[in-house]
Amino acid sequence: MLYKDTSLLSSVGVMELMLFSKNLTTTTGNITPYICAAPYYLVVTIPLIHVVAKVEHRLAKRGKR
């Protein structure tokens, strides 16, 4: 359940970030918003991936008992 909720939150955040970047790109005619959105996305998602992996690992250990 945690994994699914995290995935949903991540996809909503990415959709909003990309929509905002698209609007800025359309307004300014510059691709810089996309370039700025990419590192922000990575900064948010990479730690989240590690946290979810640790939680899954702990749950797997608990399930083997």
N, C-alpha and C. Protein backbone atom coordinates (compact mmCIF):
# COMPACT_ATOMS: atom_id res chain seq x y z
N MET A 1 0.83 -1.19 0.00
CA MET A 1 0.00 0.00 0.00
C MET A 1 0.87 1.25 0.00
N LEU A 2 1.92 1.25 0.81
CA LEU A 2 2.82 2.39 0.87
C LEU A 2 3.45 2.64 -0.50
N TYR A 3 3.86 1.57 -1.15
CA TYR A 3 4.48 1.70 -2.48
C TYR A 3 3.52 2.31 -3.48
N LYS A 4 2.27 1.89 -3.47
CA LYS A 4 1.28 2.42 -4.40
C LYS A 4 0.98 3.88 -4.11
N ASP A 5 0.86 4.25 -2.83
CA ASP A 5 0.59 5.65 -2.48
C ASP A 5 1.77 6.54 -2.86
N THR A 6 2.97 6.04 -2.65
CA THR A 6 4.16 6.80 -3.02
C THR A 6 4.21 7.00 -4.52
N SER A 7 3.89 5.97 -5.26
CA SER A 7 3.88 6.06 -6.71
C SER A 7 2.85 7.07 -7.19
N LEU A 8 1.68 7.05 -6.59
CA LEU A 8 0.63 8.00 -6.96
C LEU A 8 1.06 9.42 -6.66
N LEU A 9 1.62 9.63 -5.49
CA LEU A 9 2.09 10.96 -5.12
C LEU A 9 3.19 11.42 -6.07
N SER A 10 4.08 10.53 -6.41
CA SER A 10 5.17 10.87 -7.32
C SER A 10 4.64 11.24 -8.70
N SER A 11 3.67 10.48 -9.20
CA SER A 11 3.15 10.78 -10.53
C SER A 11 2.37 12.08 -10.55
N VAL A 12 1.63 12.38 -9.49
CA VAL A 12 0.91 13.65 -9.43
C VAL A 12 1.90 14.80 -9.39
N GLY A 13 2.95 14.67 -8.58
CA GLY A 13 3.97 15.71 -8.50
C GLY A 13 4.67 15.93 -9.83
N VAL A 14 4.97 14.84 -10.53
CA VAL A 14 5.63 14.94 -11.82
C VAL A 14 4.70 15.59 -12.84
N MET A 15 3.44 15.21 -12.81
CA MET A 15 2.49 15.80 -13.76
C MET A 15 2.37 17.31 -13.55
N GLU A 16 2.29 17.73 -12.29
CA GLU A 16 2.20 19.16 -12.00
C GLU A 16 3.48 19.89 -12.39
N LEU A 17 4.61 19.29 -12.11
CA LEU A 17 5.89 19.89 -12.46
C LEU A 17 6.02 20.03 -13.97
N MET A 18 5.66 19.00 -14.70
CA MET A 18 5.76 19.06 -16.16
C MET A 18 4.75 20.04 -16.75
N LEU A 19 3.56 20.12 -16.19
CA LEU A 19 2.56 21.07 -16.68
C LEU A 19 3.05 22.50 -16.46
N PHE A 20 3.61 22.77 -15.29
CA PHE A 20 4.15 24.10 -15.01
C PHE A 20 5.30 24.43 -15.96
N SER A 21 6.18 23.45 -16.20
CA SER A 21 7.29 23.65 -17.13
C SER A 21 6.79 23.90 -18.54
N LYS A 22 5.78 23.14 -18.94
CA LYS A 22 5.21 23.32 -20.28
C LYS A 22 4.61 24.71 -20.43
N ASN A 23 3.89 25.17 -19.41
CA ASN A 23 3.31 26.52 -19.48
C ASN A 23 4.39 27.59 -19.58
N LEU A 24 5.43 27.45 -18.79
CA LEU A 24 6.52 28.43 -18.87
C LEU A 24 7.23 28.38 -20.22
N THR A 25 7.44 27.18 -20.73
CA THR A 25 8.08 27.05 -22.04
C THR A 25 7.23 27.67 -23.14
N THR A 26 5.93 27.46 -23.07
CA THR A 26 5.02 28.05 -24.05
C THR A 26 5.04 29.57 -23.97
N THR A 27 5.06 30.08 -22.75
CA THR A 27 5.04 31.54 -22.55
C THR A 27 6.34 32.19 -22.99
N THR A 28 7.46 31.60 -22.60
CA THR A 28 8.75 32.23 -22.86
C THR A 28 9.41 31.77 -24.16
N GLY A 29 9.04 30.60 -24.66
CA GLY A 29 9.67 30.06 -25.86
C GLY A 29 11.06 29.51 -25.59
N ASN A 30 11.35 29.22 -24.33
CA ASN A 30 12.67 28.73 -23.92
C ASN A 30 12.49 27.37 -23.24
N ILE A 31 13.45 26.46 -23.43
CA ILE A 31 13.33 25.12 -22.83
C ILE A 31 13.97 25.04 -21.44
N THR A 32 14.43 26.14 -20.92
CA THR A 32 15.06 26.16 -19.60
C THR A 32 14.17 25.58 -18.50
N PRO A 33 12.85 25.83 -18.49
CA PRO A 33 12.03 25.21 -17.44
C PRO A 33 12.11 23.68 -17.42
N TYR A 34 12.21 23.07 -18.58
CA TYR A 34 12.36 21.61 -18.62
C TYR A 34 13.71 21.19 -18.05
N ILE A 35 14.74 21.95 -18.36
CA ILE A 35 16.07 21.64 -17.86
C ILE A 35 16.12 21.80 -16.34
N CYS A 36 15.42 22.78 -15.81
CA CYS A 36 15.37 22.99 -14.35
C CYS A 36 14.49 21.95 -13.67
N ALA A 37 13.47 21.48 -14.34
CA ALA A 37 12.56 20.49 -13.75
C ALA A 37 13.23 19.13 -13.61
N ALA A 38 14.12 18.79 -14.51
CA ALA A 38 14.75 17.47 -14.48
C ALA A 38 15.57 17.23 -13.21
N PRO A 39 16.48 18.12 -12.82
CA PRO A 39 17.21 17.87 -11.56
C PRO A 39 16.30 17.88 -10.34
N TYR A 40 15.30 18.74 -10.33
CA TYR A 40 14.36 18.78 -9.20
C TYR A 40 13.65 17.43 -9.08
N TYR A 41 13.22 16.89 -10.20
CA TYR A 41 12.56 15.59 -10.21
C TYR A 41 13.49 14.51 -9.64
N LEU A 42 14.75 14.52 -10.06
CA LEU A 42 15.70 13.53 -9.58
C LEU A 42 15.98 13.70 -8.08
N VAL A 43 16.08 14.93 -7.62
CA VAL A 43 16.33 15.18 -6.20
C VAL A 43 15.18 14.67 -5.35
N VAL A 44 13.99 14.74 -5.87
CA VAL A 44 12.82 14.28 -5.12
C VAL A 44 12.67 12.77 -5.20
N THR A 45 12.83 12.19 -6.36
CA THR A 45 12.51 10.78 -6.54
C THR A 45 13.60 9.80 -6.11
N ILE A 46 14.86 10.14 -6.28
CA ILE A 46 15.93 9.19 -5.94
C ILE A 46 15.93 8.84 -4.45
N PRO A 47 15.87 9.82 -3.54
CA PRO A 47 15.77 9.43 -2.12
C PRO A 47 14.49 8.65 -1.81
N LEU A 48 13.42 8.99 -2.48
CA LEU A 48 12.16 8.29 -2.28
C LEU A 48 12.28 6.83 -2.71
N ILE A 49 12.98 6.56 -3.77
CA ILE A 49 13.21 5.19 -4.23
C ILE A 49 13.97 4.40 -3.17
N HIS A 50 14.99 5.01 -2.57
CA HIS A 50 15.78 4.33 -1.55
C HIS A 50 14.95 4.05 -0.29
N VAL A 51 14.13 4.99 0.10
CA VAL A 51 13.29 4.80 1.28
C VAL A 51 12.31 3.65 1.06
N VAL A 52 11.67 3.64 -0.09
CA VAL A 52 10.70 2.57 -0.39
C VAL A 52 11.40 1.22 -0.46
N ALA A 53 12.60 1.16 -1.01
CA ALA A 53 13.34 -0.10 -1.08
C ALA A 53 13.67 -0.62 0.32
N LYS A 54 14.05 0.28 1.23
CA LYS A 54 14.35 -0.15 2.60
C LYS A 54 13.10 -0.65 3.31
N VAL A 55 11.99 0.04 3.11
CA VAL A 55 10.73 -0.39 3.73
C VAL A 55 10.31 -1.75 3.20
N GLU A 56 10.42 -1.94 1.90
CA GLU A 56 10.07 -3.24 1.30
C GLU A 56 10.97 -4.34 1.84
N HIS A 57 12.25 -4.04 1.99
CA HIS A 57 13.19 -5.03 2.50
C HIS A 57 12.83 -5.43 3.94
N ARG A 58 12.49 -4.45 4.77
CA ARG A 58 12.10 -4.74 6.15
C ARG A 58 10.81 -5.54 6.20
N LEU A 59 9.87 -5.20 5.35
CA LEU A 59 8.60 -5.94 5.32
C LEU A 59 8.82 -7.38 4.84
N ALA A 60 9.74 -7.55 3.91
CA ALA A 60 10.03 -8.90 3.42
C ALA A 60 10.66 -9.74 4.52
N LYS A 61 11.55 -9.13 5.31
CA LYS A 61 12.16 -9.85 6.43
C LYS A 61 11.12 -10.23 7.47
N ARG A 62 10.22 -9.31 7.74
CA ARG A 62 9.16 -9.54 8.74
C ARG A 62 8.22 -10.64 8.26
N GLY A 63 7.96 -10.73 6.97
CA GLY A 63 7.07 -11.73 6.43
C GLY A 63 7.65 -13.14 6.45
N LYS A 64 8.97 -13.27 6.49
CA LYS A 64 9.62 -14.59 6.49
C LYS A 64 9.57 -15.25 7.86
N ARG A 65 9.30 -14.49 8.90
CA ARG A 65 9.28 -15.06 10.25
C ARG A 65 8.13 -15.98 10.47
